[in-house]
Amino acid sequence: MRVKRTAPGKVFLSGEYLALEGGSAIILSTKQRSRVSIEDHKKPYNLFYSSALDQYFEFSVNDNFEVDWVENDPQSFGLFISLAICELKIKPSKALISIDTNEFYSSGKKIGLGSSASIASAIINVLDEYFNLQLSESAKIQKAVNIHALSQDNFGSGLDVIASCADSGVVECNLKMANEHKWRSLKWPSDLYIKGVITSDQSSTKMMIEKYNRGKDSNQIFFNKLYSEINHLLNQISTAWDTQNSAKIIELMQEYNTFVKQLNEKFNLGIFSDEHKRLIELARSADIFYKPSGAGGGDLGLVITNSEKKLTHFLSVLSDSNFPVIDLR
């Protein structure tokens, strides 16, 4: 018997930090997908295969549903195996579990597209079917959220897992909706274009959120005023998506980005690395919108426009400047 499931990655288009406070976020499920499978095999032990390491790891499961790695330990690459088995309280026997995240890599480097949320969603679904657990959709989402939270030391909003479980293109969600395992599916405007731009930067979402929380605690009056203004703007962005007004979406996202810059400067977050600053300048010269992806400071930026002509020109500029570009949808 072999069961296979896939789940998408994600990028936050707006609301990434404010989602932590209950604000509305617009999230795109990307074309990059993790692929998780489980199958019977004839060896007298369990095996885990990691595409990232291109390596097999033998493991057993004890009576407390803890994974024991027999010889080599895959470390973080095997984390979701351990977390999912403990969460679901299952004991695989003579099983081969594979996790393929190749689509989240570019030139040997993993890109910040939410692979962990993707794996969390796919592995819960694949184990649910293989072991015939018959969990409800809501229960599967909650368990995916649980293991992802554990993998991130309970940092983050969990909305990335919701987007991965939803697997329905672009969605709107907030903490209240996520706690009820709900989201709102949106339609992508036919004249809106998006590309991902890869930089050489690296950042830790956990560390970015820690800095954000420290900044918020130290600047409560500033933050409360800014949050009120941003929350109003996020509601306007939601309306623009409903009306399929691509020009308005971009205009409001540019306005949202000015608030993010204020947060960045006040809290010293490091969202805008030198490469991101350079890309913003290149985009400004080409009259096109660019923003760092997610918590910022990392290896991915987003180009968003409603002009195919401007996009074609800007992609040429990026190529000349040696910035790799990836499709996201």
C-alpha atoms as a PDB file:
ATOM      1  CA  MET A   1       0.000   0.000   0.000  1.00  0.00           C
ATOM      2  CA  ARG A   2       1.264   3.467  -0.887  1.00  0.00           C
ATOM      3  CA  VAL A   3      -0.318   6.815   0.018  1.00  0.00           C
ATOM      4  CA  LYS A   4       0.949  10.144  -1.297  1.00  0.00           C
ATOM      5  CA  ARG A   5      -0.133  13.704  -0.509  1.00  0.00           C
ATOM      6  CA  THR A   6       1.132  17.105  -1.575  1.00  0.00           C
ATOM      7  CA  ALA A   7       0.628  20.573  -0.115  1.00  0.00           C
ATOM      8  CA  PRO A   8       1.627  24.046  -1.316  1.00  0.00           C
ATOM      9  CA  GLY A   9       4.029  26.583   0.084  1.00  0.00           C
ATOM     10  CA  LYS A  10       2.926  30.156   0.696  1.00  0.00           C
ATOM     11  CA  VAL A  11       3.839  33.822   0.584  1.00  0.00           C
ATOM     12  CA  PHE A  12       2.190  36.556   2.640  1.00  0.00           C
ATOM     13  CA  LEU A  13       1.075  39.358   0.341  1.00  0.00           C
ATOM     14  CA  SER A  14      -0.017  41.617   3.213  1.00  0.00           C
ATOM     15  CA  GLY A  15      -0.569  41.459   6.960  1.00  0.00           C
ATOM     16  CA  GLU A  16       2.464  39.362   7.851  1.00  0.00           C
ATOM     17  CA  TYR A  17       3.353  40.991  11.201  1.00  0.00           C
ATOM     18  CA  LEU A  18      -0.111  42.300  12.023  1.00  0.00           C
ATOM     19  CA  ALA A  19      -1.520  38.778  11.691  1.00  0.00           C
ATOM     20  CA  LEU A  20       0.145  38.107  15.047  1.00  0.00           C
ATOM     21  CA  GLU A  21      -2.227  40.679  16.570  1.00  0.00           C
ATOM     22  CA  GLY A  22      -5.371  39.345  14.877  1.00  0.00           C
ATOM     23  CA  GLY A  23      -5.135  41.477  11.748  1.00  0.00           C
ATOM     24  CA  SER A  24      -6.288  40.216   8.362  1.00  0.00           C
ATOM     25  CA  ALA A  25      -3.650  38.651   6.099  1.00  0.00           C
ATOM     26  CA  ILE A  26      -3.770  37.924   2.382  1.00  0.00           C
ATOM     27  CA  ILE A  27      -1.791  34.762   1.617  1.00  0.00           C
ATOM     28  CA  LEU A  28      -0.953  33.126  -1.705  1.00  0.00           C
ATOM     29  CA  SER A  29      -0.500  29.363  -1.914  1.00  0.00           C
ATOM     30  CA  THR A  30       2.447  28.890  -4.253  1.00  0.00           C
ATOM     31  CA  LYS A  31       3.013  26.403  -7.059  1.00  0.00           C
ATOM     32  CA  GLN A  32       5.917  24.919  -5.059  1.00  0.00           C
ATOM     33  CA  ARG A  33       4.702  21.836  -3.204  1.00  0.00           C
ATOM     34  CA  SER A  34       6.086  19.346  -0.730  1.00  0.00           C
ATOM     35  CA  ARG A  35       5.366  15.699  -1.478  1.00  0.00           C
ATOM     36  CA  VAL A  36       4.995  13.233   1.348  1.00  0.00           C
ATOM     37  CA  SER A  37       4.413   9.515   0.881  1.00  0.00           C
ATOM     38  CA  ILE A  38       4.246   6.405   3.028  1.00  0.00           C
ATOM     39  CA  GLU A  39       4.371   2.835   1.779  1.00  0.00           C
ATOM     40  CA  ASP A  40       4.888  -0.704   2.988  1.00  0.00           C
ATOM     41  CA  HIS A  41       8.292  -2.264   2.445  1.00  0.00           C
ATOM     42  CA  LYS A  42       9.753  -5.665   3.173  1.00  0.00           C
ATOM     43  CA  LYS A  43      12.577  -4.655   5.476  1.00  0.00           C
ATOM     44  CA  PRO A  44      12.052  -5.384   9.207  1.00  0.00           C
ATOM     45  CA  TYR A  45      12.364  -1.700  10.162  1.00  0.00           C
ATOM     46  CA  ASN A  46      11.003   1.717   9.293  1.00  0.00           C
ATOM     47  CA  LEU A  47      12.793   4.051   6.910  1.00  0.00           C
ATOM     48  CA  PHE A  48      12.642   7.793   6.368  1.00  0.00           C
ATOM     49  CA  TYR A  49      13.869   9.267   3.086  1.00  0.00           C
ATOM     50  CA  SER A  50      14.764  12.959   2.893  1.00  0.00           C
ATOM     51  CA  SER A  51      15.073  14.476  -0.578  1.00  0.00           C
ATOM     52  CA  ALA A  52      16.972  17.438   0.876  1.00  0.00           C
ATOM     53  CA  LEU A  53      19.711  15.129   2.156  1.00  0.00           C
ATOM     54  CA  ASP A  54      19.145  12.404  -0.461  1.00  0.00           C
ATOM     55  CA  GLN A  55      19.552   9.912   2.344  1.00  0.00           C
ATOM     56  CA  TYR A  56      17.662   7.125   4.130  1.00  0.00           C
ATOM     57  CA  PHE A  57      17.368   6.905   7.907  1.00  0.00           C
ATOM     58  CA  GLU A  58      16.288   3.831   9.868  1.00  0.00           C
ATOM     59  CA  PHE A  59      13.969   4.422  12.818  1.00  0.00           C
ATOM     60  CA  SER A  60      11.733   2.697  15.353  1.00  0.00           C
ATOM     61  CA  VAL A  61       8.865   4.004  17.479  1.00  0.00           C
ATOM     62  CA  ASN A  62       8.646   3.223  21.189  1.00  0.00           C
ATOM     63  CA  ASP A  63       5.545   2.780  23.341  1.00  0.00           C
ATOM     64  CA  ASN A  64       5.461   6.519  24.086  1.00  0.00           C
ATOM     65  CA  PHE A  65       5.238   7.197  20.347  1.00  0.00           C
ATOM     66  CA  GLU A  66       8.740   8.649  20.330  1.00  0.00           C
ATOM     67  CA  VAL A  67      10.927   8.137  17.284  1.00  0.00           C
ATOM     68  CA  ASP A  68      14.312   6.513  17.891  1.00  0.00           C
ATOM     69  CA  TRP A  69      16.801   6.974  15.057  1.00  0.00           C
ATOM     70  CA  VAL A  70      18.754   3.732  14.869  1.00  0.00           C
ATOM     71  CA  GLU A  71      22.083   4.945  13.468  1.00  0.00           C
ATOM     72  CA  ASN A  72      22.133   8.372  11.838  1.00  0.00           C
ATOM     73  CA  ASP A  73      19.863  11.170  13.035  1.00  0.00           C
ATOM     74  CA  PRO A  74      18.437  13.429  10.293  1.00  0.00           C
ATOM     75  CA  GLN A  75      18.148  16.237  12.861  1.00  0.00           C
ATOM     76  CA  SER A  76      15.729  18.963  11.706  1.00  0.00           C
ATOM     77  CA  PHE A  77      15.011  17.125   8.441  1.00  0.00           C
ATOM     78  CA  GLY A  78      13.281  14.356  10.388  1.00  0.00           C
ATOM     79  CA  LEU A  79      11.531  16.620  12.872  1.00  0.00           C
ATOM     80  CA  PHE A  80       8.080  16.422  11.268  1.00  0.00           C
ATOM     81  CA  ILE A  81       8.218  12.609  11.275  1.00  0.00           C
ATOM     82  CA  SER A  82       8.766  12.653  15.038  1.00  0.00           C
ATOM     83  CA  LEU A  83       6.176  15.344  15.710  1.00  0.00           C
ATOM     84  CA  ALA A  84       3.464  13.800  13.521  1.00  0.00           C
ATOM     85  CA  ILE A  85       3.904  10.295  14.954  1.00  0.00           C
ATOM     86  CA  CYS A  86       3.680  11.634  18.508  1.00  0.00           C
ATOM     87  CA  GLU A  87       0.724  13.907  17.689  1.00  0.00           C
ATOM     88  CA  LEU A  88      -1.263  11.111  16.012  1.00  0.00           C
ATOM     89  CA  LYS A  89      -0.105   8.401  18.446  1.00  0.00           C
ATOM     90  CA  ILE A  90       0.681   5.874  15.732  1.00  0.00           C
ATOM     91  CA  LYS A  91       3.340   3.159  15.465  1.00  0.00           C
ATOM     92  CA  PRO A  92       4.504   2.582  11.886  1.00  0.00           C
ATOM     93  CA  SER A  93       5.902  -0.861  11.197  1.00  0.00           C
ATOM     94  CA  LYS A  94       7.923  -1.793   8.114  1.00  0.00           C
ATOM     95  CA  ALA A  95       7.034   1.547   6.555  1.00  0.00           C
ATOM     96  CA  LEU A  96       8.968   3.875   4.282  1.00  0.00           C
ATOM     97  CA  ILE A  97       8.097   7.563   4.738  1.00  0.00           C
ATOM     98  CA  SER A  98       9.444  10.012   2.159  1.00  0.00           C
ATOM     99  CA  ILE A  99       9.500  13.809   2.292  1.00  0.00           C
ATOM    100  CA  ASP A 100      10.316  15.548  -0.981  1.00  0.00           C
ATOM    101  CA  THR A 101      10.885  19.309  -0.774  1.00  0.00           C
ATOM    102  CA  ASN A 102      12.929  19.719  -3.963  1.00  0.00           C
ATOM    103  CA  GLU A 103      10.585  22.390  -5.320  1.00  0.00           C
ATOM    104  CA  PHE A 104      11.499  24.682  -2.416  1.00  0.00           C
ATOM    105  CA  TYR A 105      15.156  24.784  -3.462  1.00  0.00           C
ATOM    106  CA  SER A 106      16.907  26.964  -6.007  1.00  0.00           C
ATOM    107  CA  SER A 107      20.537  26.317  -6.938  1.00  0.00           C
ATOM    108  CA  GLY A 108      20.910  24.124  -3.865  1.00  0.00           C
ATOM    109  CA  LYS A 109      19.538  26.729  -1.445  1.00  0.00           C
ATOM    110  CA  LYS A 110      16.171  26.459   0.302  1.00  0.00           C
ATOM    111  CA  ILE A 111      13.926  29.453  -0.378  1.00  0.00           C
ATOM    112  CA  GLY A 112      11.573  30.921   2.246  1.00  0.00           C
ATOM    113  CA  LEU A 113       8.296  29.708   0.782  1.00  0.00           C
ATOM    114  CA  GLY A 114       6.746  28.019   3.804  1.00  0.00           C
ATOM    115  CA  SER A 115       8.035  24.486   3.270  1.00  0.00           C
ATOM    116  CA  SER A 116       7.546  23.596   6.947  1.00  0.00           C
ATOM    117  CA  ALA A 117       3.842  24.526   6.866  1.00  0.00           C
ATOM    118  CA  SER A 118       3.539  22.580   3.632  1.00  0.00           C
ATOM    119  CA  ILE A 119       5.152  19.479   5.150  1.00  0.00           C
ATOM    120  CA  ALA A 120       2.973  19.740   8.271  1.00  0.00           C
ATOM    121  CA  SER A 121      -0.184  19.708   6.167  1.00  0.00           C
ATOM    122  CA  ALA A 122       0.919  16.925   3.822  1.00  0.00           C
ATOM    123  CA  ILE A 123       2.277  14.566   6.487  1.00  0.00           C
ATOM    124  CA  ILE A 124      -0.853  14.720   8.658  1.00  0.00           C
ATOM    125  CA  ASN A 125      -3.016  13.978   5.620  1.00  0.00           C
ATOM    126  CA  VAL A 126      -0.864  11.112   4.407  1.00  0.00           C
ATOM    127  CA  LEU A 127      -0.656   9.418   7.821  1.00  0.00           C
ATOM    128  CA  ASP A 128      -4.381   9.901   8.408  1.00  0.00           C
ATOM    129  CA  GLU A 129      -5.166   7.952   5.254  1.00  0.00           C
ATOM    130  CA  TYR A 130      -2.487   5.276   5.620  1.00  0.00           C
ATOM    131  CA  PHE A 131      -3.522   4.439   9.188  1.00  0.00           C
ATOM    132  CA  ASN A 132      -7.230   4.912   8.432  1.00  0.00           C
ATOM    133  CA  LEU A 133      -7.621   7.365  11.307  1.00  0.00           C
ATOM    134  CA  GLN A 134     -10.631   8.996   9.628  1.00  0.00           C
ATOM    135  CA  LEU A 135      -9.949  12.393  11.155  1.00  0.00           C
ATOM    136  CA  SER A 136     -12.296  15.225  10.252  1.00  0.00           C
ATOM    137  CA  GLU A 137     -10.929  18.010   8.045  1.00  0.00           C
ATOM    138  CA  SER A 138     -10.969  20.302  11.065  1.00  0.00           C
ATOM    139  CA  ALA A 139      -9.014  17.801  13.170  1.00  0.00           C
ATOM    140  CA  LYS A 140      -6.405  17.361  10.433  1.00  0.00           C
ATOM    141  CA  ILE A 141      -5.922  21.118  10.197  1.00  0.00           C
ATOM    142  CA  GLN A 142      -5.564  21.412  13.979  1.00  0.00           C
ATOM    143  CA  LYS A 143      -2.982  18.645  14.114  1.00  0.00           C
ATOM    144  CA  ALA A 144      -1.018  20.219  11.263  1.00  0.00           C
ATOM    145  CA  VAL A 145      -1.127  23.539  13.141  1.00  0.00           C
ATOM    146  CA  ASN A 146      -0.007  21.771  16.337  1.00  0.00           C
ATOM    147  CA  ILE A 147       3.064  20.092  14.876  1.00  0.00           C
ATOM    148  CA  HIS A 148       4.055  23.194  12.931  1.00  0.00           C
ATOM    149  CA  ALA A 149       3.817  25.305  16.108  1.00  0.00           C
ATOM    150  CA  LEU A 150       6.027  22.812  17.950  1.00  0.00           C
ATOM    151  CA  SER A 151       8.572  22.921  15.128  1.00  0.00           C
ATOM    152  CA  GLN A 152       8.677  26.729  15.408  1.00  0.00           C
ATOM    153  CA  ASP A 153       8.809  26.865  19.231  1.00  0.00           C
ATOM    154  CA  ASN A 154       5.262  28.274  19.128  1.00  0.00           C
ATOM    155  CA  PHE A 155       6.318  31.419  17.275  1.00  0.00           C
ATOM    156  CA  GLY A 156       4.158  32.715  14.435  1.00  0.00           C
ATOM    157  CA  SER A 157       0.470  32.996  13.668  1.00  0.00           C
ATOM    158  CA  GLY A 158      -0.132  29.569  12.111  1.00  0.00           C
ATOM    159  CA  LEU A 159      -1.860  31.220   9.147  1.00  0.00           C
ATOM    160  CA  ASP A 160       0.715  29.707   6.805  1.00  0.00           C
ATOM    161  CA  VAL A 161      -0.516  26.245   7.801  1.00  0.00           C
ATOM    162  CA  ILE A 162      -4.114  27.318   7.184  1.00  0.00           C
ATOM    163  CA  ALA A 163      -3.151  28.528   3.691  1.00  0.00           C
ATOM    164  CA  SER A 164      -1.357  25.260   2.973  1.00  0.00           C
ATOM    165  CA  CYS A 165      -4.307  23.184   4.188  1.00  0.00           C
ATOM    166  CA  ALA A 166      -6.747  25.368   2.222  1.00  0.00           C
ATOM    167  CA  ASP A 167      -4.725  24.849  -0.971  1.00  0.00           C
ATOM    168  CA  SER A 168      -7.014  27.235  -2.834  1.00  0.00           C
ATOM    169  CA  GLY A 169      -4.850  29.912  -4.408  1.00  0.00           C
ATOM    170  CA  VAL A 170      -5.148  33.199  -2.574  1.00  0.00           C
ATOM    171  CA  VAL A 171      -6.947  33.368   0.770  1.00  0.00           C
ATOM    172  CA  GLU A 172      -7.744  35.852   3.498  1.00  0.00           C
ATOM    173  CA  CYS A 173      -7.419  34.740   7.104  1.00  0.00           C
ATOM    174  CA  ASN A 174      -6.910  36.076  10.626  1.00  0.00           C
ATOM    175  CA  LEU A 175      -6.295  34.479  14.011  1.00  0.00           C
ATOM    176  CA  LYS A 176      -9.994  34.193  14.862  1.00  0.00           C
ATOM    177  CA  MET A 177     -10.740  32.451  11.562  1.00  0.00           C
ATOM    178  CA  ALA A 178      -7.667  30.239  11.913  1.00  0.00           C
ATOM    179  CA  ASN A 179      -8.753  29.109  15.376  1.00  0.00           C
ATOM    180  CA  GLU A 180     -12.033  28.019  13.780  1.00  0.00           C
ATOM    181  CA  HIS A 181     -10.143  26.394  10.877  1.00  0.00           C
ATOM    182  CA  LYS A 182     -11.749  28.798   8.437  1.00  0.00           C
ATOM    183  CA  TRP A 183     -10.521  31.104   5.693  1.00  0.00           C
ATOM    184  CA  ARG A 184     -11.956  33.140   2.873  1.00  0.00           C
ATOM    185  CA  SER A 185     -11.035  32.153  -0.669  1.00  0.00           C
ATOM    186  CA  LEU A 186     -10.299  35.076  -2.972  1.00  0.00           C
ATOM    187  CA  LYS A 187      -9.959  35.284  -6.727  1.00  0.00           C
ATOM    188  CA  TRP A 188      -6.691  36.356  -8.317  1.00  0.00           C
ATOM    189  CA  PRO A 189      -7.325  39.252 -10.751  1.00  0.00           C
ATOM    190  CA  SER A 190      -6.589  38.304 -14.356  1.00  0.00           C
ATOM    191  CA  ASP A 191      -4.434  41.417 -14.830  1.00  0.00           C
ATOM    192  CA  LEU A 192      -2.308  41.017 -11.694  1.00  0.00           C
ATOM    193  CA  TYR A 193       1.158  39.492 -12.055  1.00  0.00           C
ATOM    194  CA  ILE A 194       3.553  38.244  -9.396  1.00  0.00           C
ATOM    195  CA  LYS A 195       7.097  36.873  -9.410  1.00  0.00           C
ATOM    196  CA  GLY A 196       9.533  35.883  -6.704  1.00  0.00           C
ATOM    197  CA  VAL A 197      13.046  37.345  -6.629  1.00  0.00           C
ATOM    198  CA  ILE A 198      15.802  35.384  -4.885  1.00  0.00           C
ATOM    199  CA  THR A 199      18.483  37.204  -2.910  1.00  0.00           C
ATOM    200  CA  SER A 200      21.562  35.899  -1.128  1.00  0.00           C
ATOM    201  CA  ASP A 201      20.227  37.011   2.264  1.00  0.00           C
ATOM    202  CA  GLN A 202      19.250  34.693   5.096  1.00  0.00           C
ATOM    203  CA  SER A 203      16.993  35.398   8.059  1.00  0.00           C
ATOM    204  CA  SER A 204      15.194  33.522  10.812  1.00  0.00           C
ATOM    205  CA  THR A 205      11.450  34.151  11.064  1.00  0.00           C
ATOM    206  CA  LYS A 206      11.635  33.204  14.734  1.00  0.00           C
ATOM    207  CA  MET A 207      14.339  35.811  15.394  1.00  0.00           C
ATOM    208  CA  MET A 208      12.423  38.449  13.405  1.00  0.00           C
ATOM    209  CA  ILE A 209       9.282  37.802  15.474  1.00  0.00           C
ATOM    210  CA  GLU A 210      11.296  37.945  18.706  1.00  0.00           C
ATOM    211  CA  LYS A 211      12.629  41.384  17.689  1.00  0.00           C
ATOM    212  CA  TYR A 212       9.119  42.463  16.719  1.00  0.00           C
ATOM    213  CA  ASN A 213       7.724  41.408  20.110  1.00  0.00           C
ATOM    214  CA  ARG A 214      10.514  43.219  21.972  1.00  0.00           C
ATOM    215  CA  GLY A 215       9.942  46.352  19.885  1.00  0.00           C
ATOM    216  CA  LYS A 216       6.203  46.224  20.517  1.00  0.00           C
ATOM    217  CA  ASP A 217       6.667  45.850  24.271  1.00  0.00           C
ATOM    218  CA  SER A 218       9.056  48.812  24.356  1.00  0.00           C
ATOM    219  CA  ASN A 219       6.932  51.089  22.173  1.00  0.00           C
ATOM    220  CA  GLN A 220       3.320  50.410  23.147  1.00  0.00           C
ATOM    221  CA  ILE A 221       1.913  53.884  22.436  1.00  0.00           C
ATOM    222  CA  PHE A 222       3.580  54.036  19.017  1.00  0.00           C
ATOM    223  CA  PHE A 223       2.472  50.502  18.182  1.00  0.00           C
ATOM    224  CA  ASN A 224      -1.162  50.937  19.257  1.00  0.00           C
ATOM    225  CA  LYS A 225      -1.541  54.022  17.067  1.00  0.00           C
ATOM    226  CA  LEU A 226       0.159  52.356  14.105  1.00  0.00           C
ATOM    227  CA  TYR A 227      -1.845  49.150  14.512  1.00  0.00           C
ATOM    228  CA  SER A 228      -5.128  51.066  14.385  1.00  0.00           C
ATOM    229  CA  GLU A 229      -4.075  52.709  11.123  1.00  0.00           C
ATOM    230  CA  ILE A 230      -2.734  49.505   9.574  1.00  0.00           C
ATOM    231  CA  ASN A 231      -5.797  47.499  10.583  1.00  0.00           C
ATOM    232  CA  HIS A 232      -8.006  49.969   8.723  1.00  0.00           C
ATOM    233  CA  LEU A 233      -5.727  49.660   5.695  1.00  0.00           C
ATOM    234  CA  LEU A 234      -5.824  45.850   5.803  1.00  0.00           C
ATOM    235  CA  ASN A 235      -9.623  46.010   5.626  1.00  0.00           C
ATOM    236  CA  GLN A 236      -9.315  48.250   2.560  1.00  0.00           C
ATOM    237  CA  ILE A 237      -6.939  45.747   0.962  1.00  0.00           C
ATOM    238  CA  SER A 238      -9.519  43.015   1.568  1.00  0.00           C
ATOM    239  CA  THR A 239     -12.185  45.095  -0.197  1.00  0.00           C
ATOM    240  CA  ALA A 240      -9.851  45.709  -3.147  1.00  0.00           C
ATOM    241  CA  TRP A 241      -9.409  41.956  -3.569  1.00  0.00           C
ATOM    242  CA  ASP A 242     -13.176  41.483  -3.463  1.00  0.00           C
ATOM    243  CA  THR A 243     -13.647  44.021  -6.256  1.00  0.00           C
ATOM    244  CA  GLN A 244     -10.774  42.515  -8.299  1.00  0.00           C
ATOM    245  CA  ASN A 245      -9.272  45.997  -8.614  1.00  0.00           C
ATOM    246  CA  SER A 246      -5.613  45.227  -9.327  1.00  0.00           C
ATOM    247  CA  ALA A 247      -4.554  48.897  -9.451  1.00  0.00           C
ATOM    248  CA  LYS A 248      -6.141  49.506  -6.037  1.00  0.00           C
ATOM    249  CA  ILE A 249      -4.562  46.351  -4.604  1.00  0.00           C
ATOM    250  CA  ILE A 250      -1.098  47.563  -5.635  1.00  0.00           C
ATOM    251  CA  GLU A 251      -1.748  51.119  -4.427  1.00  0.00           C
ATOM    252  CA  LEU A 252      -2.847  49.873  -1.005  1.00  0.00           C
ATOM    253  CA  MET A 253       0.037  47.397  -0.762  1.00  0.00           C
ATOM    254  CA  GLN A 254       2.445  50.268  -1.411  1.00  0.00           C
ATOM    255  CA  GLU A 255       0.748  52.195   1.376  1.00  0.00           C
ATOM    256  CA  TYR A 256       0.955  49.128   3.619  1.00  0.00           C
ATOM    257  CA  ASN A 257       4.673  48.896   2.872  1.00  0.00           C
ATOM    258  CA  THR A 258       5.203  52.425   4.247  1.00  0.00           C
ATOM    259  CA  PHE A 259       3.753  51.243   7.569  1.00  0.00           C
ATOM    260  CA  VAL A 260       6.049  48.210   7.498  1.00  0.00           C
ATOM    261  CA  LYS A 261       8.993  50.581   6.992  1.00  0.00           C
ATOM    262  CA  GLN A 262       7.909  52.527  10.083  1.00  0.00           C
ATOM    263  CA  LEU A 263       7.753  49.312  12.102  1.00  0.00           C
ATOM    264  CA  ASN A 264      11.134  48.290  10.739  1.00  0.00           C
ATOM    265  CA  GLU A 265      12.801  51.573  11.703  1.00  0.00           C
ATOM    266  CA  LYS A 266      11.197  51.862  15.147  1.00  0.00           C
ATOM    267  CA  PHE A 267      11.756  48.221  16.113  1.00  0.00           C
ATOM    268  CA  ASN A 268      15.091  47.796  14.266  1.00  0.00           C
ATOM    269  CA  LEU A 269      13.802  44.615  12.615  1.00  0.00           C
ATOM    270  CA  GLY A 270      16.154  44.410   9.646  1.00  0.00           C
ATOM    271  CA  ILE A 271      13.377  43.737   7.114  1.00  0.00           C
ATOM    272  CA  PHE A 272      15.110  45.693   4.367  1.00  0.00           C
ATOM    273  CA  SER A 273      18.563  44.224   3.758  1.00  0.00           C
ATOM    274  CA  ASP A 274      20.982  45.930   1.367  1.00  0.00           C
ATOM    275  CA  GLU A 275      19.851  43.640  -1.450  1.00  0.00           C
ATOM    276  CA  HIS A 276      16.187  44.332  -0.742  1.00  0.00           C
ATOM    277  CA  LYS A 277      16.939  48.072  -0.704  1.00  0.00           C
ATOM    278  CA  ARG A 278      18.666  47.740  -4.062  1.00  0.00           C
ATOM    279  CA  LEU A 279      15.705  45.829  -5.481  1.00  0.00           C
ATOM    280  CA  ILE A 280      13.311  48.494  -4.202  1.00  0.00           C
ATOM    281  CA  GLU A 281      15.353  51.135  -6.042  1.00  0.00           C
ATOM    282  CA  LEU A 282      15.443  49.066  -9.237  1.00  0.00           C
ATOM    283  CA  ALA A 283      11.682  48.546  -8.971  1.00  0.00           C
ATOM    284  CA  ARG A 284      11.058  52.245  -8.348  1.00  0.00           C
ATOM    285  CA  SER A 285      13.048  53.117 -11.491  1.00  0.00           C
ATOM    286  CA  ALA A 286      10.913  50.657 -13.456  1.00  0.00           C
ATOM    287  CA  ASP A 287       7.677  51.975 -11.874  1.00  0.00           C
ATOM    288  CA  ILE A 288       6.893  48.579 -10.383  1.00  0.00           C
ATOM    289  CA  PHE A 289       6.065  47.383  -6.839  1.00  0.00           C
ATOM    290  CA  TYR A 290       8.542  45.295  -4.848  1.00  0.00           C
ATOM    291  CA  LYS A 291       8.518  44.116  -1.230  1.00  0.00           C
ATOM    292  CA  PRO A 292      10.543  41.676   0.861  1.00  0.00           C
ATOM    293  CA  SER A 293       8.567  38.488   1.412  1.00  0.00           C
ATOM    294  CA  GLY A 294       7.182  37.400   4.761  1.00  0.00           C
ATOM    295  CA  ALA A 295       8.945  38.627   7.904  1.00  0.00           C
ATOM    296  CA  GLY A 296      11.562  40.189   5.630  1.00  0.00           C
ATOM    297  CA  GLY A 297      15.338  40.292   5.684  1.00  0.00           C
ATOM    298  CA  GLY A 298      15.484  36.914   3.970  1.00  0.00           C
ATOM    299  CA  ASP A 299      16.091  35.281   0.644  1.00  0.00           C
ATOM    300  CA  LEU A 300      12.881  36.176  -1.191  1.00  0.00           C
ATOM    301  CA  GLY A 301      11.189  39.302  -2.463  1.00  0.00           C
ATOM    302  CA  LEU A 302       7.939  39.808  -4.365  1.00  0.00           C
ATOM    303  CA  VAL A 303       7.362  41.749  -7.574  1.00  0.00           C
ATOM    304  CA  ILE A 304       3.694  42.642  -8.110  1.00  0.00           C
ATOM    305  CA  THR A 305       2.289  44.616 -11.047  1.00  0.00           C
ATOM    306  CA  ASN A 306      -0.754  44.942 -13.290  1.00  0.00           C
ATOM    307  CA  SER A 307       1.365  45.771 -16.351  1.00  0.00           C
ATOM    308  CA  GLU A 308       2.723  42.822 -18.316  1.00  0.00           C
ATOM    309  CA  LYS A 309       4.935  45.216 -20.288  1.00  0.00           C
ATOM    310  CA  LYS A 310       6.524  46.659 -17.128  1.00  0.00           C
ATOM    311  CA  LEU A 311       6.994  43.159 -15.745  1.00  0.00           C
ATOM    312  CA  THR A 312       8.797  41.976 -18.890  1.00  0.00           C
ATOM    313  CA  HIS A 313      11.107  44.996 -18.727  1.00  0.00           C
ATOM    314  CA  PHE A 314      11.791  44.548 -15.016  1.00  0.00           C
ATOM    315  CA  LEU A 315      12.565  40.849 -15.408  1.00  0.00           C
ATOM    316  CA  SER A 316      15.214  41.861 -17.939  1.00  0.00           C
ATOM    317  CA  VAL A 317      16.632  44.361 -15.430  1.00  0.00           C
ATOM    318  CA  LEU A 318      16.746  41.639 -12.765  1.00  0.00           C
ATOM    319  CA  SER A 319      18.513  39.265 -15.138  1.00  0.00           C
ATOM    320  CA  ASP A 320      21.119  41.913 -15.961  1.00  0.00           C
ATOM    321  CA  SER A 321      21.604  42.456 -12.221  1.00  0.00           C
ATOM    322  CA  ASN A 322      22.005  38.694 -11.587  1.00  0.00           C
ATOM    323  CA  PHE A 323      18.879  38.309  -9.463  1.00  0.00           C
ATOM    324  CA  PRO A 324      17.223  34.896 -10.092  1.00  0.00           C
ATOM    325  CA  VAL A 325      13.443  34.967 -10.566  1.00  0.00           C
ATOM    326  CA  ILE A 326      10.932  32.204  -9.794  1.00  0.00           C
ATOM    327  CA  ASP A 327       7.281  31.673 -10.667  1.00  0.00           C
ATOM    328  CA  LEU A 328       4.949  31.549  -7.679  1.00  0.00           C
ATOM    329  CA  ARG A 329       1.646  30.705  -9.367  1.00  0.00           C
END
